[in-house]
Amino acid sequence: MQSTGLEHGLSTLRNLEIVVDLTSRYVVLGTLISEDGPYLVLEDADVHDLRDSTTTREQYVVEARRHGIQANRKCTRLRKEEVVCIAKLEDVIA
């Protein structure tokens, strides 16, 4: 398996609310709880399809920072190879 480079430093994000930008038109917010092989595992996650919204990715994330994550998944797994960026939600500039 090819390394994605995500393995280094993920431990510093464990149990924190994070924002995950994906290569697709999805943005995912939630609490990173673990890794499961090629997946990141998030709890209390908001899996948001930007095609269903008139807001931009940045607007959506800023609103989540201001008002909290509106979870629509108790637990979800994201393929690491689809990840473009990961940040702590608290680091989003509102």
C-alpha atoms as a PDB file:
ATOM      1  CA  MET A   1       0.000   0.000   0.000  1.00  0.00           C
ATOM      2  CA  GLN A   2       1.290   3.427  -0.940  1.00  0.00           C
ATOM      3  CA  SER A   3       1.673   5.888   1.919  1.00  0.00           C
ATOM      4  CA  THR A   4      -0.611   8.920   1.751  1.00  0.00           C
ATOM      5  CA  GLY A   5       1.531  10.946   4.116  1.00  0.00           C
ATOM      6  CA  LEU A   6      -1.440  11.312   6.467  1.00  0.00           C
ATOM      7  CA  GLU A   7      -0.122   8.829   8.970  1.00  0.00           C
ATOM      8  CA  HIS A   8       2.370  11.355  10.324  1.00  0.00           C
ATOM      9  CA  GLY A   9       0.751  13.863  12.634  1.00  0.00           C
ATOM     10  CA  LEU A  10      -2.751  12.405  12.722  1.00  0.00           C
ATOM     11  CA  SER A  11      -2.269  11.428  16.339  1.00  0.00           C
ATOM     12  CA  THR A  12      -2.253  15.150  17.214  1.00  0.00           C
ATOM     13  CA  LEU A  13      -5.770  15.448  15.766  1.00  0.00           C
ATOM     14  CA  ARG A  14      -7.271  12.414  17.460  1.00  0.00           C
ATOM     15  CA  ASN A  15     -10.389  13.181  19.534  1.00  0.00           C
ATOM     16  CA  LEU A  16     -10.612  16.695  18.087  1.00  0.00           C
ATOM     17  CA  GLU A  17     -13.243  18.167  15.798  1.00  0.00           C
ATOM     18  CA  ILE A  18     -11.755  18.378  12.323  1.00  0.00           C
ATOM     19  CA  VAL A  19     -12.583  19.542   8.817  1.00  0.00           C
ATOM     20  CA  VAL A  20     -11.715  17.181   5.971  1.00  0.00           C
ATOM     21  CA  ASP A  21     -11.720  18.533   2.422  1.00  0.00           C
ATOM     22  CA  LEU A  22     -12.073  15.756  -0.134  1.00  0.00           C
ATOM     23  CA  THR A  23     -11.196  15.601  -3.821  1.00  0.00           C
ATOM     24  CA  SER A  24     -14.908  15.299  -4.537  1.00  0.00           C
ATOM     25  CA  ARG A  25     -17.601  17.900  -3.890  1.00  0.00           C
ATOM     26  CA  TYR A  26     -17.842  16.755  -0.274  1.00  0.00           C
ATOM     27  CA  VAL A  27     -16.585  18.288   2.929  1.00  0.00           C
ATOM     28  CA  VAL A  28     -16.721  16.276   6.146  1.00  0.00           C
ATOM     29  CA  LEU A  29     -16.639  17.623   9.686  1.00  0.00           C
ATOM     30  CA  GLY A  30     -16.473  15.468  12.781  1.00  0.00           C
ATOM     31  CA  THR A  31     -14.360  14.061  15.583  1.00  0.00           C
ATOM     32  CA  LEU A  32     -11.412  11.975  14.443  1.00  0.00           C
ATOM     33  CA  ILE A  33     -11.366   8.847  16.574  1.00  0.00           C
ATOM     34  CA  SER A  34      -9.051   6.457  14.743  1.00  0.00           C
ATOM     35  CA  GLU A  35      -7.610   5.078  11.547  1.00  0.00           C
ATOM     36  CA  ASP A  36      -8.705   1.787  10.054  1.00  0.00           C
ATOM     37  CA  GLY A  37      -6.240   0.829   7.326  1.00  0.00           C
ATOM     38  CA  PRO A  38      -6.985   3.087   4.355  1.00  0.00           C
ATOM     39  CA  TYR A  39      -9.733   4.935   6.260  1.00  0.00           C
ATOM     40  CA  LEU A  40     -10.066   7.768   8.741  1.00  0.00           C
ATOM     41  CA  VAL A  41     -12.841   7.091  11.252  1.00  0.00           C
ATOM     42  CA  LEU A  42     -14.931  10.047  12.411  1.00  0.00           C
ATOM     43  CA  GLU A  43     -17.741  10.156  14.962  1.00  0.00           C
ATOM     44  CA  ASP A  44     -20.642  12.607  15.080  1.00  0.00           C
ATOM     45  CA  ALA A  45     -19.830  13.625  11.525  1.00  0.00           C
ATOM     46  CA  ASP A  46     -21.439  16.012   9.089  1.00  0.00           C
ATOM     47  CA  VAL A  47     -20.967  14.575   5.590  1.00  0.00           C
ATOM     48  CA  HIS A  48     -21.936  17.483   3.351  1.00  0.00           C
ATOM     49  CA  ASP A  49     -22.412  17.284  -0.412  1.00  0.00           C
ATOM     50  CA  LEU A  50     -21.745  20.787  -1.698  1.00  0.00           C
ATOM     51  CA  ARG A  51     -23.932  20.093  -4.742  1.00  0.00           C
ATOM     52  CA  ASP A  52     -26.910  20.197  -2.364  1.00  0.00           C
ATOM     53  CA  SER A  53     -26.092  23.713  -1.211  1.00  0.00           C
ATOM     54  CA  THR A  54     -25.761  27.228  -2.570  1.00  0.00           C
ATOM     55  CA  THR A  55     -22.907  27.980  -0.151  1.00  0.00           C
ATOM     56  CA  THR A  56     -19.249  27.538  -0.952  1.00  0.00           C
ATOM     57  CA  ARG A  57     -17.043  25.069   0.867  1.00  0.00           C
ATOM     58  CA  GLU A  58     -15.469  27.889   2.869  1.00  0.00           C
ATOM     59  CA  GLN A  59     -18.816  29.441   3.816  1.00  0.00           C
ATOM     60  CA  TYR A  60     -20.107  26.071   4.987  1.00  0.00           C
ATOM     61  CA  VAL A  61     -17.040  25.407   7.128  1.00  0.00           C
ATOM     62  CA  VAL A  62     -17.079  28.896   8.668  1.00  0.00           C
ATOM     63  CA  GLU A  63     -20.747  28.437   9.610  1.00  0.00           C
ATOM     64  CA  ALA A  64     -19.881  25.113  11.258  1.00  0.00           C
ATOM     65  CA  ARG A  65     -17.109  26.855  13.190  1.00  0.00           C
ATOM     66  CA  ARG A  66     -19.536  29.520  14.389  1.00  0.00           C
ATOM     67  CA  HIS A  67     -22.525  27.297  15.181  1.00  0.00           C
ATOM     68  CA  GLY A  68     -21.083  23.820  15.694  1.00  0.00           C
ATOM     69  CA  ILE A  69     -21.116  20.662  13.651  1.00  0.00           C
ATOM     70  CA  GLN A  70     -24.585  19.487  12.628  1.00  0.00           C
ATOM     71  CA  ALA A  71     -23.919  15.744  12.664  1.00  0.00           C
ATOM     72  CA  ASN A  72     -25.789  13.538  10.215  1.00  0.00           C
ATOM     73  CA  ARG A  73     -23.679  10.403  10.756  1.00  0.00           C
ATOM     74  CA  LYS A  74     -22.940   8.723  14.090  1.00  0.00           C
ATOM     75  CA  CYS A  75     -19.786   7.166  12.615  1.00  0.00           C
ATOM     76  CA  THR A  76     -18.245   7.323   9.167  1.00  0.00           C
ATOM     77  CA  ARG A  77     -15.090   6.181   7.389  1.00  0.00           C
ATOM     78  CA  LEU A  78     -13.293   8.312   4.815  1.00  0.00           C
ATOM     79  CA  ARG A  79     -10.776   6.966   2.327  1.00  0.00           C
ATOM     80  CA  LYS A  80      -7.418   8.605   3.026  1.00  0.00           C
ATOM     81  CA  GLU A  81      -6.617   8.714  -0.683  1.00  0.00           C
ATOM     82  CA  GLU A  82      -9.554  11.126  -1.197  1.00  0.00           C
ATOM     83  CA  VAL A  83      -8.289  13.646   1.382  1.00  0.00           C
ATOM     84  CA  VAL A  84      -6.976  16.996   0.169  1.00  0.00           C
ATOM     85  CA  CYS A  85      -6.693  18.773   3.508  1.00  0.00           C
ATOM     86  CA  ILE A  86      -7.330  18.188   7.201  1.00  0.00           C
ATOM     87  CA  ALA A  87      -7.572  20.966   9.794  1.00  0.00           C
ATOM     88  CA  LYS A  88      -8.810  21.386  13.324  1.00  0.00           C
ATOM     89  CA  LEU A  89     -12.213  23.053  13.284  1.00  0.00           C
ATOM     90  CA  GLU A  90     -10.941  25.486  15.913  1.00  0.00           C
ATOM     91  CA  ASP A  91      -8.279  26.661  13.417  1.00  0.00           C
ATOM     92  CA  VAL A  92     -10.908  27.827  10.921  1.00  0.00           C
ATOM     93  CA  ILE A  93     -10.920  31.602  10.847  1.00  0.00           C
ATOM     94  CA  ALA A  94     -14.478  32.793  11.299  1.00  0.00           C
END
